[in-house]
Amino acid sequence: MSEQEFQAKVLSELQALRTDVEKLQTDVTNLQTDLHKLQSDVSELATEVKNQEYKFEVYQRGTDAMVRMVTTIIIAAASVVVLASLSPSITALVSAIAHQGN
């Protein structure tokens, strides 16, 4: 192999190496772009999760308040029913005590 052939072969190999390095640089740039997009997507997802947590907390507080209100209504209704059924007995008892005193 002559010196010129050797130089041509070395230059050819160096050019191929340069092409490979440039392709690798392009791939790295694309990976960086994809990574930035992924980071952005993760940030958006984190924001959405925080919003959902807030909505859930608001819903939970509202539900707790409704349960307390319904419980109060049930207790009040039960008290009216019990007192209504005891009312004649209490009236008779008070009347009997009043008549004993006379």
PDB file of N, CA and C in Angstrom:
ATOM      1  N   MET A   1       0.856  -1.165   0.000  1.00  0.00           N
ATOM      2  CA  MET A   1       0.000   0.000   0.000  1.00  0.00           C
ATOM      3  C   MET A   1       0.905   1.231   0.000  1.00  0.00           C
ATOM      4  N   SER A   2       0.613   2.142  -0.898  1.00  0.00           N
ATOM      5  CA  SER A   2       1.454   3.337  -1.006  1.00  0.00           C
ATOM      6  C   SER A   2       1.058   4.336   0.078  1.00  0.00           C
ATOM      7  N   GLU A   3       1.908   5.322   0.227  1.00  0.00           N
ATOM      8  CA  GLU A   3       1.673   6.348   1.255  1.00  0.00           C
ATOM      9  C   GLU A   3       0.399   7.124   0.938  1.00  0.00           C
ATOM     10  N   GLN A   4       0.144   7.405  -0.323  1.00  0.00           N
ATOM     11  CA  GLN A   4      -1.063   8.148  -0.704  1.00  0.00           C
ATOM     12  C   GLN A   4      -2.320   7.307  -0.446  1.00  0.00           C
ATOM     13  N   GLU A   5      -2.235   6.034  -0.724  1.00  0.00           N
ATOM     14  CA  GLU A   5      -3.373   5.153  -0.453  1.00  0.00           C
ATOM     15  C   GLU A   5      -3.643   5.074   1.053  1.00  0.00           C
ATOM     16  N   PHE A   6      -2.553   4.990   1.824  1.00  0.00           N
ATOM     17  CA  PHE A   6      -2.684   4.944   3.283  1.00  0.00           C
ATOM     18  C   PHE A   6      -3.330   6.228   3.801  1.00  0.00           C
ATOM     19  N   GLN A   7      -2.864   7.382   3.292  1.00  0.00           N
ATOM     20  CA  GLN A   7      -3.432   8.664   3.720  1.00  0.00           C
ATOM     21  C   GLN A   7      -4.904   8.758   3.326  1.00  0.00           C
ATOM     22  N   ALA A   8      -5.239   8.304   2.131  1.00  0.00           N
ATOM     23  CA  ALA A   8      -6.623   8.339   1.671  1.00  0.00           C
ATOM     24  C   ALA A   8      -7.495   7.457   2.557  1.00  0.00           C
ATOM     25  N   LYS A   9      -6.965   6.287   2.910  1.00  0.00           N
ATOM     26  CA  LYS A   9      -7.722   5.371   3.779  1.00  0.00           C
ATOM     27  C   LYS A   9      -7.903   5.975   5.161  1.00  0.00           C
ATOM     28  N   VAL A  10      -6.846   6.578   5.725  1.00  0.00           N
ATOM     29  CA  VAL A  10      -6.938   7.217   7.043  1.00  0.00           C
ATOM     30  C   VAL A  10      -7.952   8.353   7.003  1.00  0.00           C
ATOM     31  N   LEU A  11      -7.889   9.185   5.950  1.00  0.00           N
ATOM     32  CA  LEU A  11      -8.839  10.292   5.814  1.00  0.00           C
ATOM     33  C   LEU A  11     -10.276   9.781   5.691  1.00  0.00           C
ATOM     34  N   SER A  12     -10.434   8.688   4.946  1.00  0.00           N
ATOM     35  CA  SER A  12     -11.761   8.093   4.797  1.00  0.00           C
ATOM     36  C   SER A  12     -12.293   7.604   6.141  1.00  0.00           C
ATOM     37  N   GLU A  13     -11.438   6.936   6.904  1.00  0.00           N
ATOM     38  CA  GLU A  13     -11.832   6.447   8.231  1.00  0.00           C
ATOM     39  C   GLU A  13     -12.135   7.607   9.173  1.00  0.00           C
ATOM     40  N   LEU A  14     -11.303   8.656   9.109  1.00  0.00           N
ATOM     41  CA  LEU A  14     -11.559   9.830   9.950  1.00  0.00           C
ATOM     42  C   LEU A  14     -12.885  10.490   9.587  1.00  0.00           C
ATOM     43  N   GLN A  15     -13.190  10.544   8.288  1.00  0.00           N
ATOM     44  CA  GLN A  15     -14.466  11.132   7.844  1.00  0.00           C
ATOM     45  C   GLN A  15     -15.633  10.287   8.352  1.00  0.00           C
ATOM     46  N   ALA A  16     -15.490   8.960   8.284  1.00  0.00           N
ATOM     47  CA  ALA A  16     -16.540   8.069   8.784  1.00  0.00           C
ATOM     48  C   ALA A  16     -16.713   8.254  10.286  1.00  0.00           C
ATOM     49  N   LEU A  17     -15.593   8.395  10.991  1.00  0.00           N
ATOM     50  CA  LEU A  17     -15.638   8.625  12.439  1.00  0.00           C
ATOM     51  C   LEU A  17     -16.324   9.957  12.742  1.00  0.00           C
ATOM     52  N   ARG A  18     -15.993  10.975  11.956  1.00  0.00           N
ATOM     53  CA  ARG A  18     -16.607  12.297  12.148  1.00  0.00           C
ATOM     54  C   ARG A  18     -18.122  12.217  11.927  1.00  0.00           C
ATOM     55  N   THR A  19     -18.525  11.498  10.902  1.00  0.00           N
ATOM     56  CA  THR A  19     -19.957  11.326  10.615  1.00  0.00           C
ATOM     57  C   THR A  19     -20.649  10.627  11.785  1.00  0.00           C
ATOM     58  N   ASP A  20     -20.004   9.594  12.320  1.00  0.00           N
ATOM     59  CA  ASP A  20     -20.562   8.877  13.467  1.00  0.00           C
ATOM     60  C   ASP A  20     -20.677   9.786  14.685  1.00  0.00           C
ATOM     61  N   VAL A  21     -19.676  10.596  14.931  1.00  0.00           N
ATOM     62  CA  VAL A  21     -19.690  11.519  16.075  1.00  0.00           C
ATOM     63  C   VAL A  21     -20.801  12.561  15.906  1.00  0.00           C
ATOM     64  N   GLU A  22     -20.963  13.065  14.673  1.00  0.00           N
ATOM     65  CA  GLU A  22     -22.024  14.042  14.432  1.00  0.00           C
ATOM     66  C   GLU A  22     -23.399  13.419  14.641  1.00  0.00           C
ATOM     67  N   LYS A  23     -23.554  12.160  14.188  1.00  0.00           N
ATOM     68  CA  LYS A  23     -24.816  11.453  14.401  1.00  0.00           C
ATOM     69  C   LYS A  23     -25.050  11.254  15.897  1.00  0.00           C
ATOM     70  N   LEU A  24     -23.999  10.920  16.612  1.00  0.00           N
ATOM     71  CA  LEU A  24     -24.112  10.740  18.059  1.00  0.00           C
ATOM     72  C   LEU A  24     -24.511  12.049  18.734  1.00  0.00           C
ATOM     73  N   GLN A  25     -23.924  13.167  18.296  1.00  0.00           N
ATOM     74  CA  GLN A  25     -24.286  14.467  18.845  1.00  0.00           C
ATOM     75  C   GLN A  25     -25.758  14.779  18.581  1.00  0.00           C
ATOM     76  N   THR A  26     -26.233  14.448  17.392  1.00  0.00           N
ATOM     77  CA  THR A  26     -27.649  14.650  17.061  1.00  0.00           C
ATOM     78  C   THR A  26     -28.538  13.797  17.970  1.00  0.00           C
ATOM     79  N   ASP A  27     -28.124  12.557  18.178  1.00  0.00           N
ATOM     80  CA  ASP A  27     -28.889  11.671  19.057  1.00  0.00           C
ATOM     81  C   ASP A  27     -28.917  12.213  20.488  1.00  0.00           C
ATOM     82  N   VAL A  28     -27.797  12.719  20.971  1.00  0.00           N
ATOM     83  CA  VAL A  28     -27.736  13.283  22.326  1.00  0.00           C
ATOM     84  C   VAL A  28     -28.647  14.509  22.425  1.00  0.00           C
ATOM     85  N   THR A  29     -28.626  15.341  21.392  1.00  0.00           N
ATOM     86  CA  THR A  29     -29.500  16.521  21.383  1.00  0.00           C
ATOM     87  C   THR A  29     -30.966  16.095  21.420  1.00  0.00           C
ATOM     88  N   ASN A  30     -31.300  15.087  20.632  1.00  0.00           N
ATOM     89  CA  ASN A  30     -32.689  14.585  20.647  1.00  0.00           C
ATOM     90  C   ASN A  30     -33.054  14.016  22.008  1.00  0.00           C
ATOM     91  N   LEU A  31     -32.139  13.302  22.624  1.00  0.00           N
ATOM     92  CA  LEU A  31     -32.395  12.765  23.964  1.00  0.00           C
ATOM     93  C   LEU A  31     -32.606  13.888  24.978  1.00  0.00           C
ATOM     94  N   GLN A  32     -31.816  14.946  24.867  1.00  0.00           N
ATOM     95  CA  GLN A  32     -31.982  16.079  25.775  1.00  0.00           C
ATOM     96  C   GLN A  32     -33.351  16.724  25.586  1.00  0.00           C
ATOM     97  N   THR A  33     -33.762  16.848  24.320  1.00  0.00           N
ATOM     98  CA  THR A  33     -35.085  17.409  24.031  1.00  0.00           C
ATOM     99  C   THR A  33     -36.177  16.522  24.635  1.00  0.00           C
ATOM    100  N   ASP A  34     -36.037  15.231  24.434  1.00  0.00           N
ATOM    101  CA  ASP A  34     -37.017  14.296  24.998  1.00  0.00           C
ATOM    102  C   ASP A  34     -37.027  14.358  26.522  1.00  0.00           C
ATOM    103  N   LEU A  35     -35.863  14.501  27.121  1.00  0.00           N
ATOM    104  CA  LEU A  35     -35.765  14.581  28.573  1.00  0.00           C
ATOM    105  C   LEU A  35     -36.458  15.841  29.089  1.00  0.00           C
ATOM    106  N   HIS A  36     -36.246  16.963  28.414  1.00  0.00           N
ATOM    107  CA  HIS A  36     -36.908  18.212  28.825  1.00  0.00           C
ATOM    108  C   HIS A  36     -38.429  18.074  28.705  1.00  0.00           C
ATOM    109  N   LYS A  37     -38.873  17.421  27.625  1.00  0.00           N
ATOM    110  CA  LYS A  37     -40.307  17.210  27.445  1.00  0.00           C
ATOM    111  C   LYS A  37     -40.840  16.310  28.550  1.00  0.00           C
ATOM    112  N   LEU A  38     -40.100  15.281  28.892  1.00  0.00           N
ATOM    113  CA  LEU A  38     -40.510  14.374  29.962  1.00  0.00           C
ATOM    114  C   LEU A  38     -40.579  15.106  31.300  1.00  0.00           C
ATOM    115  N   GLN A  39     -39.584  15.958  31.572  1.00  0.00           N
ATOM    116  CA  GLN A  39     -39.601  16.740  32.806  1.00  0.00           C
ATOM    117  C   GLN A  39     -40.815  17.655  32.849  1.00  0.00           C
ATOM    118  N   SER A  40     -41.141  18.244  31.725  1.00  0.00           N
ATOM    119  CA  SER A  40     -42.323  19.110  31.634  1.00  0.00           C
ATOM    120  C   SER A  40     -43.598  18.309  31.889  1.00  0.00           C
ATOM    121  N   ASP A  41     -43.674  17.135  31.289  1.00  0.00           N
ATOM    122  CA  ASP A  41     -44.845  16.279  31.493  1.00  0.00           C
ATOM    123  C   ASP A  41     -44.974  15.859  32.953  1.00  0.00           C
ATOM    124  N   VAL A  42     -43.862  15.535  33.586  1.00  0.00           N
ATOM    125  CA  VAL A  42     -43.883  15.136  34.998  1.00  0.00           C
ATOM    126  C   VAL A  42     -44.329  16.315  35.865  1.00  0.00           C
ATOM    127  N   SER A  43     -43.868  17.512  35.540  1.00  0.00           N
ATOM    128  CA  SER A  43     -44.279  18.695  36.295  1.00  0.00           C
ATOM    129  C   SER A  43     -45.778  18.932  36.155  1.00  0.00           C
ATOM    130  N   GLU A  44     -46.281  18.790  34.935  1.00  0.00           N
ATOM    131  CA  GLU A  44     -47.717  18.947  34.718  1.00  0.00           C
ATOM    132  C   GLU A  44     -48.500  17.885  35.479  1.00  0.00           C
ATOM    133  N   LEU A  45     -47.998  16.668  35.472  1.00  0.00           N
ATOM    134  CA  LEU A  45     -48.662  15.586  36.196  1.00  0.00           C
ATOM    135  C   LEU A  45     -48.672  15.868  37.697  1.00  0.00           C
ATOM    136  N   ALA A  46     -47.565  16.368  38.226  1.00  0.00           N
ATOM    137  CA  ALA A  46     -47.495  16.696  39.647  1.00  0.00           C
ATOM    138  C   ALA A  46     -48.515  17.782  39.990  1.00  0.00           C
ATOM    139  N   THR A  47     -48.656  18.768  39.119  1.00  0.00           N
ATOM    140  CA  THR A  47     -49.637  19.830  39.340  1.00  0.00           C
ATOM    141  C   THR A  47     -51.055  19.257  39.328  1.00  0.00           C
ATOM    142  N   GLU A  48     -51.322  18.380  38.377  1.00  0.00           N
ATOM    143  CA  GLU A  48     -52.648  17.762  38.313  1.00  0.00           C
ATOM    144  C   GLU A  48     -52.937  16.927  39.554  1.00  0.00           C
ATOM    145  N   VAL A  49     -51.939  16.213  40.054  1.00  0.00           N
ATOM    146  CA  VAL A  49     -52.120  15.409  41.266  1.00  0.00           C
ATOM    147  C   VAL A  49     -52.428  16.320  42.451  1.00  0.00           C
ATOM    148  N   LYS A  50     -51.715  17.443  42.566  1.00  0.00           N
ATOM    149  CA  LYS A  50     -51.984  18.389  43.656  1.00  0.00           C
ATOM    150  C   LYS A  50     -53.407  18.928  43.556  1.00  0.00           C
ATOM    151  N   ASN A  51     -53.842  19.239  42.329  1.00  0.00           N
ATOM    152  CA  ASN A  51     -55.209  19.733  42.143  1.00  0.00           C
ATOM    153  C   ASN A  51     -56.231  18.675  42.542  1.00  0.00           C
ATOM    154  N   GLN A  52     -55.973  17.431  42.179  1.00  0.00           N
ATOM    155  CA  GLN A  52     -56.893  16.354  42.537  1.00  0.00           C
ATOM    156  C   GLN A  52     -56.920  16.147  44.052  1.00  0.00           C
ATOM    157  N   GLU A  53     -55.752  16.246  44.696  1.00  0.00           N
ATOM    158  CA  GLU A  53     -55.705  16.120  46.158  1.00  0.00           C
ATOM    159  C   GLU A  53     -56.524  17.224  46.812  1.00  0.00           C
ATOM    160  N   TYR A  54     -56.411  18.457  46.298  1.00  0.00           N
ATOM    161  CA  TYR A  54     -57.174  19.579  46.847  1.00  0.00           C
ATOM    162  C   TYR A  54     -58.671  19.329  46.664  1.00  0.00           C
ATOM    163  N   LYS A  55     -59.062  18.891  45.452  1.00  0.00           N
ATOM    164  CA  LYS A  55     -60.474  18.620  45.197  1.00  0.00           C
ATOM    165  C   LYS A  55     -60.982  17.523  46.127  1.00  0.00           C
ATOM    166  N   PHE A  56     -60.171  16.494  46.343  1.00  0.00           N
ATOM    167  CA  PHE A  56     -60.577  15.406  47.225  1.00  0.00           C
ATOM    168  C   PHE A  56     -60.753  15.914  48.654  1.00  0.00           C
ATOM    169  N   GLU A  57     -59.837  16.764  49.120  1.00  0.00           N
ATOM    170  CA  GLU A  57     -59.949  17.305  50.472  1.00  0.00           C
ATOM    171  C   GLU A  57     -61.217  18.134  50.621  1.00  0.00           C
ATOM    172  N   VAL A  58     -61.518  18.962  49.613  1.00  0.00           N
ATOM    173  CA  VAL A  58     -62.739  19.774  49.651  1.00  0.00           C
ATOM    174  C   VAL A  58     -63.960  18.860  49.672  1.00  0.00           C
ATOM    175  N   TYR A  59     -63.963  17.846  48.832  1.00  0.00           N
ATOM    176  CA  TYR A  59     -65.071  16.890  48.791  1.00  0.00           C
ATOM    177  C   TYR A  59     -65.223  16.183  50.137  1.00  0.00           C
ATOM    178  N   GLN A  60     -64.107  15.794  50.721  1.00  0.00           N
ATOM    179  CA  GLN A  60     -64.148  15.079  51.998  1.00  0.00           C
ATOM    180  C   GLN A  60     -64.709  15.975  53.100  1.00  0.00           C
ATOM    181  N   ARG A  61     -64.270  17.245  53.138  1.00  0.00           N
ATOM    182  CA  ARG A  61     -64.807  18.168  54.149  1.00  0.00           C
ATOM    183  C   ARG A  61     -66.308  18.367  53.948  1.00  0.00           C
ATOM    184  N   GLY A  62     -66.728  18.517  52.701  1.00  0.00           N
ATOM    185  CA  GLY A  62     -68.158  18.679  52.414  1.00  0.00           C
ATOM    186  C   GLY A  62     -68.952  17.451  52.819  1.00  0.00           C
ATOM    187  N   THR A  63     -68.399  16.287  52.535  1.00  0.00           N
ATOM    188  CA  THR A  63     -69.077  15.042  52.906  1.00  0.00           C
ATOM    189  C   THR A  63     -69.183  14.913  54.424  1.00  0.00           C
ATOM    190  N   ASP A  64     -68.116  15.243  55.134  1.00  0.00           N
ATOM    191  CA  ASP A  64     -68.146  15.184  56.598  1.00  0.00           C
ATOM    192  C   ASP A  64     -69.224  16.113  57.161  1.00  0.00           C
ATOM    193  N   ALA A  65     -69.317  17.308  56.598  1.00  0.00           N
ATOM    194  CA  ALA A  65     -70.323  18.272  57.064  1.00  0.00           C
ATOM    195  C   ALA A  65     -71.729  17.743  56.786  1.00  0.00           C
ATOM    196  N   MET A  66     -71.937  17.125  55.615  1.00  0.00           N
ATOM    197  CA  MET A  66     -73.256  16.575  55.296  1.00  0.00           C
ATOM    198  C   MET A  66     -73.615  15.424  56.224  1.00  0.00           C
ATOM    199  N   VAL A  67     -72.644  14.598  56.565  1.00  0.00           N
ATOM    200  CA  VAL A  67     -72.907  13.483  57.483  1.00  0.00           C
ATOM    201  C   VAL A  67     -73.310  14.019  58.854  1.00  0.00           C
ATOM    202  N   ARG A  68     -72.620  15.069  59.333  1.00  0.00           N
ATOM    203  CA  ARG A  68     -72.990  15.662  60.627  1.00  0.00           C
ATOM    204  C   ARG A  68     -74.406  16.238  60.574  1.00  0.00           C
ATOM    205  N   MET A  69     -74.740  16.917  59.473  1.00  0.00           N
ATOM    206  CA  MET A  69     -76.058  17.515  59.338  1.00  0.00           C
ATOM    207  C   MET A  69     -77.141  16.434  59.301  1.00  0.00           C
ATOM    208  N   VAL A  70     -76.923  15.372  58.537  1.00  0.00           N
ATOM    209  CA  VAL A  70     -77.900  14.294  58.452  1.00  0.00           C
ATOM    210  C   VAL A  70     -78.063  13.605  59.800  1.00  0.00           C
ATOM    211  N   THR A  71     -76.958  13.411  60.502  1.00  0.00           N
ATOM    212  CA  THR A  71     -77.033  12.797  61.832  1.00  0.00           C
ATOM    213  C   THR A  71     -77.865  13.659  62.770  1.00  0.00           C
ATOM    214  N   THR A  72     -77.649  14.961  62.723  1.00  0.00           N
ATOM    215  CA  THR A  72     -78.430  15.881  63.573  1.00  0.00           C
ATOM    216  C   THR A  72     -79.911  15.807  63.221  1.00  0.00           C
ATOM    217  N   ILE A  73     -80.228  15.765  61.945  1.00  0.00           N
ATOM    218  CA  ILE A  73     -81.629  15.685  61.518  1.00  0.00           C
ATOM    219  C   ILE A  73     -82.263  14.375  61.985  1.00  0.00           C
ATOM    220  N   ILE A  74     -81.524  13.274  61.872  1.00  0.00           N
ATOM    221  CA  ILE A  74     -82.057  11.976  62.297  1.00  0.00           C
ATOM    222  C   ILE A  74     -82.303  11.970  63.801  1.00  0.00           C
ATOM    223  N   ILE A  75     -81.362  12.502  64.569  1.00  0.00           N
ATOM    224  CA  ILE A  75     -81.527  12.547  66.030  1.00  0.00           C
ATOM    225  C   ILE A  75     -82.721  13.428  66.399  1.00  0.00           C
ATOM    226  N   ALA A  76     -82.859  14.584  65.731  1.00  0.00           N
ATOM    227  CA  ALA A  76     -83.990  15.474  66.015  1.00  0.00           C
ATOM    228  C   ALA A  76     -85.309  14.797  65.670  1.00  0.00           C
ATOM    229  N   ALA A  77     -85.367  14.121  64.524  1.00  0.00           N
ATOM    230  CA  ALA A  77     -86.596  13.432  64.116  1.00  0.00           C
ATOM    231  C   ALA A  77     -86.924  12.304  65.088  1.00  0.00           C
ATOM    232  N   ALA A  78     -85.912  11.552  65.502  1.00  0.00           N
ATOM    233  CA  ALA A  78     -86.132  10.462  66.458  1.00  0.00           C
ATOM    234  C   ALA A  78     -86.622  11.013  67.791  1.00  0.00           C
ATOM    235  N   SER A  79     -86.077  12.146  68.194  1.00  0.00           N
ATOM    236  CA  SER A  79     -86.514  12.764  69.457  1.00  0.00           C
ATOM    237  C   SER A  79     -87.975  13.170  69.370  1.00  0.00           C
ATOM    238  N   VAL A  80     -88.399  13.728  68.268  1.00  0.00           N
ATOM    239  CA  VAL A  80     -89.802  14.133  68.094  1.00  0.00           C
ATOM    240  C   VAL A  80     -90.701  12.915  68.146  1.00  0.00           C
ATOM    241  N   VAL A  81     -90.289  11.836  67.481  1.00  0.00           N
ATOM    242  CA  VAL A  81     -91.107  10.621  67.474  1.00  0.00           C
ATOM    243  C   VAL A  81     -91.217  10.046  68.876  1.00  0.00           C
ATOM    244  N   VAL A  82     -90.107   9.960  69.591  1.00  0.00           N
ATOM    245  CA  VAL A  82     -90.115   9.395  70.946  1.00  0.00           C
ATOM    246  C   VAL A  82     -90.927  10.277  71.882  1.00  0.00           C
ATOM    247  N   LEU A  83     -90.701  11.586  71.820  1.00  0.00           N
ATOM    248  CA  LEU A  83     -91.447  12.492  72.709  1.00  0.00           C
ATOM    249  C   LEU A  83     -92.931  12.502  72.374  1.00  0.00           C
ATOM    250  N   ALA A  84     -93.277  12.366  71.106  1.00  0.00           N
ATOM    251  CA  ALA A  84     -94.692  12.341  70.719  1.00  0.00           C
ATOM    252  C   ALA A  84     -95.375  11.099  71.267  1.00  0.00           C
ATOM    253  N   SER A  85     -94.655   9.976  71.255  1.00  0.00           N
ATOM    254  CA  SER A  85     -95.276   8.754  71.784  1.00  0.00           C
ATOM    255  C   SER A  85     -95.321   8.773  73.312  1.00  0.00           C
ATOM    256  N   LEU A  86     -94.420   9.505  73.951  1.00  0.00           N
ATOM    257  CA  LEU A  86     -94.417   9.595  75.425  1.00  0.00           C
ATOM    258  C   LEU A  86     -95.322  10.704  75.940  1.00  0.00           C
ATOM    259  N   SER A  87     -95.737  11.609  75.098  1.00  0.00           N
ATOM    260  CA  SER A  87     -96.505  12.776  75.514  1.00  0.00           C
ATOM    261  C   SER A  87     -97.797  12.416  76.241  1.00  0.00           C
ATOM    262  N   PRO A  88     -98.605  11.485  75.741  1.00  0.00           N
ATOM    263  CA  PRO A  88     -99.826  11.135  76.496  1.00  0.00           C
ATOM    264  C   PRO A  88     -99.516  10.545  77.873  1.00  0.00           C
ATOM    265  N   SER A  89     -98.455   9.747  77.939  1.00  0.00           N
ATOM    266  CA  SER A  89     -98.083   9.143  79.220  1.00  0.00           C
ATOM    267  C   SER A  89     -97.621  10.208  80.196  1.00  0.00           C
ATOM    268  N   ILE A  90     -96.836  11.157  79.707  1.00  0.00           N
ATOM    269  CA  ILE A  90     -96.339  12.230  80.572  1.00  0.00           C
ATOM    270  C   ILE A  90     -97.506  13.107  81.026  1.00  0.00           C
ATOM    271  N   THR A  91     -98.439  13.391  80.126  1.00  0.00           N
ATOM    272  CA  THR A  91     -99.614  14.203  80.479  1.00  0.00           C
ATOM    273  C   THR A  91    -100.436  13.495  81.548  1.00  0.00           C
ATOM    274  N   ALA A  92    -100.630  12.196  81.398  1.00  0.00           N
ATOM    275  CA  ALA A  92    -101.401  11.434  82.395  1.00  0.00           C
ATOM    276  C   ALA A  92    -100.686  11.415  83.730  1.00  0.00           C
ATOM    277  N   LEU A  93     -99.376  11.260  83.710  1.00  0.00           N
ATOM    278  CA  LEU A  93     -98.584  11.239  84.941  1.00  0.00           C
ATOM    279  C   LEU A  93     -98.660  12.582  85.650  1.00  0.00           C
ATOM    280  N   VAL A  94     -98.510  13.673  84.903  1.00  0.00           N
ATOM    281  CA  VAL A  94     -98.582  15.007  85.499  1.00  0.00           C
ATOM    282  C   VAL A  94     -99.985  15.255  86.059  1.00  0.00           C
ATOM    283  N   SER A  95    -101.002  14.811  85.334  1.00  0.00           N
ATOM    284  CA  SER A  95    -102.385  14.977  85.814  1.00  0.00           C
ATOM    285  C   SER A  95    -102.605  14.183  87.094  1.00  0.00           C
ATOM    286  N   ALA A  96    -102.069  12.953  87.133  1.00  0.00           N
ATOM    287  CA  ALA A  96    -102.229  12.103  88.325  1.00  0.00           C
ATOM    288  C   ALA A  96    -101.534  12.738  89.523  1.00  0.00           C
ATOM    289  N   ILE A  97    -100.358  13.280  89.324  1.00  0.00           N
ATOM    290  CA  ILE A  97     -99.623  13.925  90.426  1.00  0.00           C
ATOM    291  C   ILE A  97    -100.374  15.165  90.875  1.00  0.00           C
ATOM    292  N   ALA A  98    -100.936  15.902  89.943  1.00  0.00           N
ATOM    293  CA  ALA A  98    -101.683  17.111  90.278  1.00  0.00           C
ATOM    294  C   ALA A  98    -102.932  16.771  91.069  1.00  0.00           C
ATOM    295  N   HIS A  99    -103.632  15.671  90.724  1.00  0.00           N
ATOM    296  CA  HIS A  99    -104.855  15.285  91.417  1.00  0.00           C
ATOM    297  C   HIS A  99    -104.557  14.752  92.820  1.00  0.00           C
ATOM    298  N   GLN A 100    -103.405  14.149  93.018  1.00  0.00           N
ATOM    299  CA  GLN A 100    -103.032  13.639  94.335  1.00  0.00           C
ATOM    300  C   GLN A 100    -102.787  14.773  95.308  1.00  0.00           C
ATOM    301  N   GLY A 101    -102.290  15.865  94.775  1.00  0.00           N
ATOM    302  CA  GLY A 101    -102.000  17.006  95.622  1.00  0.00           C
ATOM    303  C   GLY A 101    -103.271  17.722  96.086  1.00  0.00           C
ATOM    304  N   ASN A 102    -104.395  17.532  95.414  1.00  0.00           N
ATOM    305  CA  ASN A 102    -105.662  18.209  95.781  1.00  0.00           C
ATOM    306  C   ASN A 102    -106.374  17.479  96.810  1.00  0.00           C
TER     307      ASN A 102
END
